[in-house]
N, C-alpha and C. Protein backbone atom coordinates (compact mmCIF):
# COMPACT_ATOMS: atom_id res chain seq x y z
N UNK A 1 32.32 -8.23 83.13
CA UNK A 1 33.05 -8.89 84.00
C UNK A 1 34.59 -8.27 84.35
N UNK A 2 34.94 -7.90 85.31
CA UNK A 2 36.64 -6.96 85.38
C UNK A 2 37.67 -8.06 84.90
N UNK A 3 38.85 -7.61 84.56
CA UNK A 3 39.97 -8.37 83.85
C UNK A 3 40.06 -9.30 85.63
N UNK A 4 40.17 -8.46 86.85
CA UNK A 4 40.36 -9.67 87.85
C UNK A 4 39.25 -11.03 88.13
N UNK A 5 37.91 -10.19 88.07
CA UNK A 5 37.42 -11.48 87.71
C UNK A 5 37.21 -12.69 86.87
N UNK A 6 37.76 -12.15 85.30
CA UNK A 6 38.01 -13.13 84.21
C UNK A 6 39.24 -13.85 84.64
N UNK A 7 40.38 -13.19 85.38
CA UNK A 7 41.35 -13.98 85.91
C UNK A 7 41.38 -15.42 86.51
N UNK A 8 40.46 -14.68 87.52
CA UNK A 8 40.22 -15.88 88.62
C UNK A 8 39.38 -16.66 88.04
N UNK A 9 38.46 -16.77 87.45
CA UNK A 9 37.62 -17.69 86.80
C UNK A 9 38.33 -18.58 85.77
N UNK A 10 39.22 -17.64 85.16
CA UNK A 10 40.39 -18.85 84.34
C UNK A 10 41.06 -19.52 85.06
N UNK A 11 41.75 -18.97 86.10
CA UNK A 11 42.69 -19.72 87.29
C UNK A 11 42.30 -20.95 87.79
N UNK A 12 40.40 -20.91 88.40
CA UNK A 12 39.65 -21.75 88.61
C UNK A 12 39.99 -23.05 88.08
N UNK A 13 40.11 -23.42 86.50
CA UNK A 13 40.63 -24.03 86.18
C UNK A 13 41.89 -25.08 86.21
N UNK A 14 42.77 -24.24 86.93
CA UNK A 14 44.02 -24.89 87.23
C UNK A 14 44.23 -25.27 88.42
N UNK A 15 45.05 -26.71 88.73
CA UNK A 15 45.21 -26.71 90.39
C UNK A 15 46.18 -26.01 90.65
N UNK A 16 47.17 -25.83 90.06
CA UNK A 16 48.38 -24.79 90.41
C UNK A 16 48.08 -23.08 89.79
N UNK A 17 48.00 -22.23 90.51
CA UNK A 17 47.95 -20.93 90.19
C UNK A 17 49.17 -20.66 88.86
N UNK A 18 50.33 -21.20 89.00
CA UNK A 18 51.14 -20.92 88.11
C UNK A 18 50.95 -21.52 86.35
N UNK A 19 50.08 -22.54 86.58
CA UNK A 19 49.61 -22.71 85.51
C UNK A 19 48.80 -22.24 84.68
N UNK A 20 48.03 -21.20 85.54
CA UNK A 20 47.13 -20.10 85.00
C UNK A 20 47.67 -18.40 84.41
N UNK A 21 48.83 -18.39 84.47
CA UNK A 21 49.70 -17.43 84.20
C UNK A 21 49.54 -17.21 82.62
N UNK A 22 49.67 -18.04 81.58
CA UNK A 22 49.29 -17.71 80.23
C UNK A 22 47.83 -16.86 80.15
N UNK A 23 47.21 -17.84 80.50
CA UNK A 23 45.43 -17.33 80.17
C UNK A 23 45.34 -16.11 80.67
N UNK A 24 45.96 -15.66 82.14
CA UNK A 24 45.94 -15.10 82.49
C UNK A 24 46.35 -13.57 81.76
N UNK A 25 47.62 -13.50 80.84
CA UNK A 25 47.98 -12.77 80.35
C UNK A 25 47.30 -12.55 79.36
N UNK A 26 46.75 -13.60 78.14
CA UNK A 26 45.79 -13.30 77.15
C UNK A 26 44.69 -12.57 77.52
N UNK A 27 43.85 -12.73 78.87
CA UNK A 27 42.98 -11.56 79.42
C UNK A 27 43.37 -10.22 79.71
N UNK A 28 44.40 -10.36 79.91
CA UNK A 28 44.82 -9.15 80.54
C UNK A 28 45.47 -7.90 79.26
N UNK A 29 45.90 -8.98 78.19
CA UNK A 29 46.47 -8.13 76.83
C UNK A 29 45.00 -7.85 76.11
N UNK A 30 44.27 -8.63 75.93
CA UNK A 30 43.08 -8.19 75.71
C UNK A 30 42.42 -6.90 75.87
N UNK A 31 42.38 -7.22 77.16
CA UNK A 31 41.73 -5.45 77.71
C UNK A 31 42.80 -4.20 77.79
N UNK A 32 44.23 -4.59 77.66
CA UNK A 32 45.00 -3.68 77.56
C UNK A 32 45.61 -3.12 76.09
N UNK A 33 45.60 -4.01 75.21
CA UNK A 33 46.37 -4.08 74.17
C UNK A 33 47.72 -4.68 74.12
N UNK A 34 48.28 -4.83 75.68
CA UNK A 34 49.32 -5.10 75.43
C UNK A 34 50.00 -4.79 77.04
N UNK A 35 51.00 -5.51 77.62
CA UNK A 35 51.23 -5.69 78.88
C UNK A 35 52.49 -5.23 79.70
N UNK A 36 52.20 -3.82 79.82
CA UNK A 36 53.16 -3.09 80.42
C UNK A 36 53.19 -3.71 81.72
N UNK A 37 54.54 -2.97 82.36
CA UNK A 37 55.24 -3.46 84.02
C UNK A 37 54.11 -3.32 84.64
N UNK A 38 53.11 -2.71 85.01
CA UNK A 38 51.97 -2.57 85.89
C UNK A 38 51.03 -3.64 85.70
N UNK A 39 50.56 -4.01 84.39
CA UNK A 39 49.79 -5.01 84.10
C UNK A 39 50.30 -6.15 84.49
N UNK A 40 51.69 -6.28 84.42
CA UNK A 40 51.97 -7.97 84.22
C UNK A 40 52.14 -8.05 86.16
N UNK A 41 52.28 -6.67 86.64
CA UNK A 41 52.70 -6.94 88.62
C UNK A 41 51.09 -7.59 88.84
N UNK A 42 50.01 -6.58 88.08
CA UNK A 42 48.87 -6.83 88.71
C UNK A 42 48.07 -8.24 88.73
N UNK A 43 48.66 -9.13 87.30
CA UNK A 43 48.31 -10.40 86.86
C UNK A 43 48.78 -10.93 88.37
N UNK A 44 50.30 -10.82 88.01
CA UNK A 44 50.85 -11.59 89.53
C UNK A 44 50.12 -11.79 90.75
N UNK A 45 50.03 -10.37 90.85
CA UNK A 45 49.05 -9.92 92.44
C UNK A 45 47.90 -10.97 92.29
N UNK A 46 47.22 -10.72 91.19
CA UNK A 46 45.78 -11.42 91.20
C UNK A 46 46.04 -12.99 90.84
N UNK A 47 46.91 -13.64 90.87
CA UNK A 47 47.16 -15.31 90.68
C UNK A 47 47.90 -15.50 91.93
N UNK A 48 48.48 -14.39 92.95
CA UNK A 48 49.31 -14.69 93.85
C UNK A 48 50.66 -15.85 93.67
N UNK A 49 51.45 -15.21 92.67
CA UNK A 49 52.60 -15.78 92.28
C UNK A 49 53.48 -14.80 91.48
N UNK A 50 54.50 -15.13 91.94
CA UNK A 50 56.05 -14.44 91.52
C UNK A 50 55.85 -13.74 90.74
N UNK A 51 56.17 -12.60 90.73
CA UNK A 51 56.06 -11.57 89.87
C UNK A 51 57.00 -11.34 88.68
N UNK A 52 58.20 -12.49 88.90
CA UNK A 52 59.20 -12.90 87.80
C UNK A 52 58.58 -13.71 86.84
N UNK A 53 57.82 -14.94 87.44
CA UNK A 53 57.12 -15.61 86.60
C UNK A 53 56.12 -15.22 85.20
N UNK A 54 55.73 -14.41 85.76
CA UNK A 54 54.51 -13.45 84.96
C UNK A 54 55.60 -13.09 83.75
N UNK A 55 56.64 -11.99 84.47
CA UNK A 55 57.59 -11.76 83.74
C UNK A 55 58.30 -12.45 82.32
N UNK A 56 58.70 -13.69 83.05
CA UNK A 56 59.33 -14.21 81.87
C UNK A 56 58.42 -14.79 81.08
N UNK A 57 57.38 -15.50 81.26
CA UNK A 57 56.45 -15.44 80.04
C UNK A 57 56.22 -14.47 79.20
N UNK A 58 55.56 -13.47 79.74
CA UNK A 58 55.29 -12.07 78.89
C UNK A 58 56.28 -11.70 78.23
N UNK A 59 57.52 -12.14 78.37
CA UNK A 59 58.86 -12.13 77.12
C UNK A 59 59.37 -12.80 76.69
N UNK A 60 58.80 -14.05 77.07
CA UNK A 60 59.51 -15.19 75.92
C UNK A 60 58.83 -15.26 74.61
N UNK A 61 57.46 -15.23 75.31
CA UNK A 61 56.72 -15.83 73.77
C UNK A 61 56.13 -14.73 73.10
N UNK A 62 56.14 -14.36 71.37
CA UNK A 62 55.85 -13.30 70.91
C UNK A 62 54.51 -13.22 70.64
N UNK A 63 53.78 -14.15 71.63
CA UNK A 63 52.14 -13.63 71.37
C UNK A 63 51.94 -12.44 72.00
N UNK A 64 53.02 -12.54 73.15
CA UNK A 64 52.37 -11.42 74.28
C UNK A 64 53.30 -10.25 73.74
N UNK A 65 52.96 -8.93 73.96
CA UNK A 65 53.70 -7.89 74.09
C UNK A 65 53.75 -6.98 75.25
N UNK A 66 54.76 -6.79 75.28
CA UNK A 66 55.25 -5.85 76.39
C UNK A 66 55.24 -4.17 76.12
N UNK A 67 54.96 -3.92 74.90
CA UNK A 67 54.90 -2.43 74.41
C UNK A 67 53.61 -2.50 73.50
N UNK A 68 53.29 -1.28 73.34
CA UNK A 68 52.28 -1.45 72.34
C UNK A 68 52.51 -1.62 70.87
N UNK A 69 51.58 -1.96 70.11
CA UNK A 69 51.16 -2.59 68.77
C UNK A 69 50.55 -1.85 68.07
N UNK A 70 50.76 -1.96 66.99
CA UNK A 70 49.58 -1.44 65.74
C UNK A 70 48.28 -2.42 65.91
N UNK A 71 47.29 -1.99 65.63
CA UNK A 71 46.08 -2.46 65.16
C UNK A 71 46.09 -4.13 64.76
N UNK A 72 47.48 -3.88 64.00
CA UNK A 72 47.65 -5.21 63.08
C UNK A 72 48.76 -5.35 63.07
N UNK A 73 49.02 -6.81 64.07
CA UNK A 73 50.60 -7.10 64.28
C UNK A 73 50.86 -8.00 63.34
N UNK A 74 51.95 -7.39 62.07
CA UNK A 74 52.21 -8.98 61.10
C UNK A 74 54.00 -9.00 61.49
N UNK A 75 53.42 -10.56 61.68
CA UNK A 75 54.71 -10.99 62.19
C UNK A 75 55.21 -12.44 61.17
N UNK A 76 55.77 -11.77 60.41
CA UNK A 76 56.56 -12.60 59.20
C UNK A 76 57.54 -13.26 59.96
N UNK A 77 57.64 -15.07 59.42
CA UNK A 77 58.41 -15.90 59.79
C UNK A 77 59.68 -15.88 59.43
N UNK A 78 61.13 -15.93 59.63
CA UNK A 78 62.15 -15.79 58.95
C UNK A 78 63.19 -16.90 59.56
N UNK A 79 62.53 -18.14 59.96
CA UNK A 79 63.19 -19.58 59.99
C UNK A 79 63.28 -19.71 58.69
N UNK A 80 64.07 -21.33 58.19
CA UNK A 80 64.74 -21.61 57.30
C UNK A 80 63.94 -21.74 56.00
N UNK A 81 62.88 -22.59 56.64
CA UNK A 81 61.78 -22.83 55.25
C UNK A 81 61.28 -21.60 54.53
N UNK A 82 61.00 -20.98 55.15
CA UNK A 82 60.59 -19.22 55.40
C UNK A 82 61.60 -18.72 54.09
N UNK A 83 62.72 -18.27 55.13
CA UNK A 83 64.13 -17.83 54.25
C UNK A 83 64.15 -18.60 52.96
N UNK A 84 64.32 -19.76 52.45
CA UNK A 84 64.36 -20.44 51.30
C UNK A 84 63.38 -20.00 50.73
N UNK A 85 62.26 -19.33 51.03
CA UNK A 85 61.15 -19.19 49.78
C UNK A 85 61.13 -17.65 49.71
N UNK A 86 61.93 -17.15 49.97
CA UNK A 86 62.58 -15.40 50.28
C UNK A 86 61.73 -14.56 51.10
N UNK A 87 61.74 -15.04 52.35
CA UNK A 87 60.92 -14.23 53.27
C UNK A 87 61.60 -12.99 53.27
N UNK A 88 62.93 -12.74 52.99
CA UNK A 88 63.62 -11.64 53.16
C UNK A 88 63.14 -10.49 52.00
N UNK A 89 62.88 -10.94 50.87
CA UNK A 89 62.07 -10.28 50.08
C UNK A 89 60.87 -9.44 50.43
N UNK A 90 60.10 -10.25 50.61
CA UNK A 90 58.90 -10.37 51.51
C UNK A 90 59.14 -9.09 52.63
N UNK A 91 60.11 -9.43 53.56
CA UNK A 91 60.16 -8.11 54.79
C UNK A 91 60.65 -7.05 53.98
N UNK A 92 61.81 -6.92 53.18
CA UNK A 92 62.05 -5.53 52.44
C UNK A 92 60.97 -5.02 51.46
N UNK A 93 60.16 -5.48 50.79
CA UNK A 93 58.49 -5.06 50.25
C UNK A 93 57.83 -4.57 51.43
N UNK A 94 57.54 -5.44 52.72
CA UNK A 94 56.84 -4.70 53.56
C UNK A 94 57.52 -3.60 54.17
N UNK A 95 58.57 -3.28 54.61
CA UNK A 95 59.19 -2.39 54.90
C UNK A 95 58.85 -0.95 54.33
N UNK A 96 59.13 -1.12 52.78
CA UNK A 96 58.89 -0.26 51.71
C UNK A 96 57.43 0.45 51.76
N UNK A 97 56.95 -0.61 51.73
CA UNK A 97 55.33 -0.43 51.73
C UNK A 97 54.52 0.47 52.76
N UNK A 98 55.03 0.00 54.12
CA UNK A 98 54.48 0.54 55.29
C UNK A 98 55.51 1.91 55.75
N UNK A 99 56.77 1.78 54.96
CA UNK A 99 57.34 3.21 55.48
C UNK A 99 57.84 3.01 56.94
N UNK A 100 58.06 1.69 57.26
CA UNK A 100 58.99 1.69 58.63
C UNK A 100 59.87 0.64 58.52
N UNK A 101 60.76 0.25 59.72
CA UNK A 101 61.77 -0.92 59.68
C UNK A 101 60.72 -1.89 60.49
N UNK A 102 61.76 -3.61 60.60
CA UNK A 102 61.04 -4.11 61.58
C UNK A 102 61.47 -3.66 62.96
N UNK A 103 60.42 -4.04 63.27
CA UNK A 103 60.34 -3.61 65.18
C UNK A 103 59.40 -2.69 65.50
N UNK A 104 59.05 -1.60 64.22
CA UNK A 104 58.48 -0.31 64.38
C UNK A 104 57.15 -0.54 63.95
N UNK A 105 56.09 0.79 64.35
CA UNK A 105 54.61 0.62 64.08
C UNK A 105 54.41 1.89 63.59
N UNK A 106 53.70 1.63 62.31
CA UNK A 106 53.19 3.12 61.64
C UNK A 106 52.93 4.05 62.25
N UNK A 107 52.80 5.65 61.56
CA UNK A 107 52.42 6.83 62.27
C UNK A 107 51.14 6.34 62.83
N UNK A 108 49.87 5.88 62.14
CA UNK A 108 48.99 5.62 62.22
C UNK A 108 48.74 4.61 62.66
N UNK A 109 49.74 4.09 63.70
CA UNK A 109 49.39 2.87 64.87
C UNK A 109 48.44 1.90 63.97
N UNK A 110 48.71 1.90 62.79
CA UNK A 110 47.57 0.27 62.09
C UNK A 110 48.47 -0.67 62.17
N UNK A 111 49.87 -0.44 61.70
CA UNK A 111 50.67 -1.97 61.74
C UNK A 111 52.09 -1.42 62.58
N UNK A 112 51.91 -2.77 63.10
CA UNK A 112 53.28 -3.14 63.59
C UNK A 112 54.08 -4.26 62.85
N UNK A 113 55.06 -4.03 62.17
CA UNK A 113 56.00 -5.35 61.74
C UNK A 113 57.40 -5.70 62.51
N UNK A 114 57.02 -7.17 62.22
CA UNK A 114 57.89 -8.23 63.36
C UNK A 114 58.47 -8.95 62.29
N UNK A 115 59.61 -9.53 62.75
CA UNK A 115 59.92 -11.04 62.17
C UNK A 115 59.99 -11.91 63.76
N UNK A 116 59.42 -13.32 63.43
CA UNK A 116 59.66 -14.37 64.21
C UNK A 116 60.53 -15.15 63.68
N UNK A 117 60.78 -16.28 64.84
CA UNK A 117 61.86 -17.16 64.35
C UNK A 117 61.09 -18.67 63.81
N UNK A 118 59.81 -18.86 64.35
CA UNK A 118 59.41 -19.94 63.91
C UNK A 118 57.75 -19.85 64.13
N UNK A 119 56.81 -19.96 62.89
CA UNK A 119 55.33 -19.85 63.14
C UNK A 119 54.94 -21.68 63.06
N UNK A 120 55.56 -22.71 63.03
CA UNK A 120 55.15 -23.79 62.83
C UNK A 120 54.16 -24.10 61.98
N UNK A 121 54.71 -23.44 60.60
CA UNK A 121 53.89 -23.59 59.71
C UNK A 121 54.74 -24.01 57.96
N UNK A 122 55.57 -24.55 58.05
CA UNK A 122 56.55 -24.85 57.46
C UNK A 122 55.69 -25.11 56.04
N UNK A 123 54.96 -25.96 55.82
CA UNK A 123 54.08 -26.33 54.67
C UNK A 123 54.21 -24.95 53.97
N UNK A 124 53.68 -23.74 54.66
CA UNK A 124 53.24 -22.72 54.08
C UNK A 124 54.00 -21.71 53.88
N UNK A 125 55.12 -21.92 53.82
CA UNK A 125 56.25 -21.02 53.91
C UNK A 125 56.13 -20.31 52.36
N UNK A 126 56.33 -19.11 52.39
CA UNK A 126 56.77 -18.30 53.58
C UNK A 126 55.25 -17.71 54.28
N UNK A 127 55.10 -17.86 55.39
CA UNK A 127 54.13 -17.28 56.29
C UNK A 127 54.43 -16.22 57.31
N UNK A 128 52.89 -15.35 57.37
CA UNK A 128 53.04 -14.61 58.28
C UNK A 128 51.64 -14.91 58.80
N UNK A 129 51.82 -14.29 60.30
CA UNK A 129 50.81 -14.11 61.56
C UNK A 129 50.33 -12.64 61.60
N UNK A 130 49.12 -12.28 61.34
CA UNK A 130 48.41 -11.40 61.79
C UNK A 130 47.22 -11.42 62.71
N UNK A 131 47.91 -11.37 63.55
CA UNK A 131 46.66 -11.58 65.13
C UNK A 131 46.58 -12.90 64.89
N UNK A 132 45.18 -13.24 64.91
CA UNK A 132 45.44 -14.94 65.24
C UNK A 132 45.80 -15.72 64.05
N UNK A 133 45.67 -15.08 62.71
CA UNK A 133 45.40 -15.86 61.48
C UNK A 133 46.51 -15.82 60.78
N UNK A 134 46.76 -17.15 60.21
CA UNK A 134 48.06 -17.21 59.24
C UNK A 134 47.63 -17.13 57.94
N UNK A 135 48.58 -16.41 57.31
CA UNK A 135 48.79 -16.25 55.69
C UNK A 135 49.94 -16.86 55.23
N UNK A 136 49.48 -17.85 54.15
CA UNK A 136 50.88 -18.55 54.10
C UNK A 136 50.98 -18.20 52.39
N UNK A 137 51.83 -19.30 51.60
CA UNK A 137 52.42 -19.12 50.36
C UNK A 137 52.48 -17.74 50.15
N UNK A 138 52.88 -16.76 50.72
CA UNK A 138 52.60 -15.39 50.32
C UNK A 138 53.83 -15.00 49.07
N UNK A 139 53.65 -13.95 48.49
CA UNK A 139 54.67 -13.42 47.48
C UNK A 139 53.85 -12.20 47.60
N UNK A 140 54.80 -10.54 46.85
CA UNK A 140 54.65 -9.70 46.81
C UNK A 140 53.06 -9.21 46.71
N UNK A 141 52.41 -9.75 45.69
CA UNK A 141 51.09 -9.47 45.31
C UNK A 141 50.09 -9.90 46.27
N UNK A 142 50.76 -11.11 46.94
CA UNK A 142 49.37 -11.58 48.31
C UNK A 142 49.56 -10.97 49.00
N UNK A 143 50.62 -10.45 49.75
CA UNK A 143 51.34 -9.24 50.70
C UNK A 143 50.40 -8.11 50.60
N UNK A 144 50.30 -7.37 49.35
CA UNK A 144 49.67 -6.20 49.04
C UNK A 144 48.09 -6.22 48.95
N UNK A 145 47.81 -7.61 48.73
CA UNK A 145 46.27 -7.66 48.90
C UNK A 145 45.88 -7.98 50.16
N UNK A 146 46.49 -8.64 50.99
CA UNK A 146 46.48 -8.63 52.36
C UNK A 146 46.69 -7.04 53.25
N UNK A 147 47.24 -5.91 52.80
CA UNK A 147 47.41 -4.57 53.25
C UNK A 147 46.35 -4.17 53.02
N UNK A 148 46.14 -4.61 51.81
CA UNK A 148 44.61 -3.79 51.29
C UNK A 148 43.41 -3.92 52.26
N UNK A 149 43.39 -5.46 52.24
CA UNK A 149 42.19 -6.16 53.07
C UNK A 149 42.21 -5.41 54.46
N UNK A 150 43.31 -5.64 54.77
CA UNK A 150 43.19 -4.90 56.36
C UNK A 150 42.96 -3.57 56.69
N UNK A 151 43.83 -2.55 55.76
CA UNK A 151 43.15 -1.16 55.74
C UNK A 151 41.82 -0.92 55.59
N UNK A 152 41.23 -1.91 54.07
CA UNK A 152 39.62 -1.66 54.23
C UNK A 152 39.08 -1.85 55.46
N UNK A 153 39.61 -3.06 56.37
CA UNK A 153 38.55 -3.55 57.14
C UNK A 153 38.25 -2.18 58.05
N UNK A 154 39.37 -1.22 58.82
CA UNK A 154 39.13 -0.58 59.58
C UNK A 154 39.33 0.74 58.62
N UNK A 155 38.67 1.04 57.59
CA UNK A 155 38.42 1.96 56.86
C UNK A 155 39.54 2.59 56.66
N UNK A 156 40.60 2.57 56.09
CA UNK A 156 41.98 3.07 55.59
C UNK A 156 41.96 2.62 54.56
N UNK A 157 42.55 3.87 53.31
CA UNK A 157 42.79 3.71 51.87
C UNK A 157 43.82 3.38 51.91
N UNK A 158 43.69 2.37 50.41
CA UNK A 158 45.04 1.24 50.29
C UNK A 158 45.86 2.01 49.84
N UNK A 159 45.70 2.80 49.59
CA UNK A 159 47.30 4.00 49.25
C UNK A 159 48.20 2.83 48.41
N UNK A 160 48.94 4.08 47.65
CA UNK A 160 49.61 2.89 46.42
C UNK A 160 49.28 2.36 45.12
N UNK A 161 48.09 2.31 44.98
CA UNK A 161 47.34 1.38 44.51
C UNK A 161 47.29 -0.24 44.38
N UNK A 162 47.25 -0.27 45.25
CA UNK A 162 47.30 -1.86 45.58
C UNK A 162 45.97 -2.46 45.27
N UNK A 163 45.88 -3.62 44.25
CA UNK A 163 44.25 -4.08 44.20
C UNK A 163 44.06 -4.88 45.10
N UNK A 164 42.90 -4.94 45.92
CA UNK A 164 42.53 -5.60 46.97
C UNK A 164 42.02 -7.17 46.17
N UNK A 165 42.82 -7.96 45.95
CA UNK A 165 42.22 -9.19 45.62
C UNK A 165 42.48 -10.56 46.65
N UNK A 166 41.49 -11.58 46.40
CA UNK A 166 41.52 -12.70 47.81
C UNK A 166 42.60 -13.40 47.15
N UNK A 167 43.71 -13.83 48.31
CA UNK A 167 44.81 -14.72 48.11
C UNK A 167 44.32 -16.13 48.14
N UNK A 168 44.72 -16.73 46.97
CA UNK A 168 44.72 -18.46 47.66
C UNK A 168 45.50 -18.72 48.17
N UNK A 169 45.65 -20.10 49.31
CA UNK A 169 46.18 -20.65 50.47
C UNK A 169 45.93 -19.74 51.45
N UNK A 170 45.10 -18.69 51.51
CA UNK A 170 44.65 -17.95 53.09
C UNK A 170 43.43 -18.50 53.84
């Protein structure tokens, strides 16, 4: 089924095509990996809605990416609950271990590192979202173990000698 067909099928569930923008964006992002301008325009055209409506949603939610991201998008919460539980230290560690700064992608395109305002999981603070999964009660050892598991999942060497151990709370 083409992207157009999938979007039309999803849109049929909504009484107003504007209500189908978010599901349509998810479909388009799954197909393209991110949402560059021409894809946003195509989504608007398929739905028959104003392009600005599509652009507004695509740029408002951290769920959507208008620039390419790595295979694993690490989104670390930096809101109050996570900050109080030392998310800033975790960010510095991630930047050091990955060799990138917040907002960048590793040269092998495996990891993109971002911070987000709130993941709505304060009970798990500090918390990080990777894809659709939340990883909480993080510390440096759990971050290292998570990175090792993600690297192993895609056949990359663990690097830096980090042990791959299961993390409670995931």
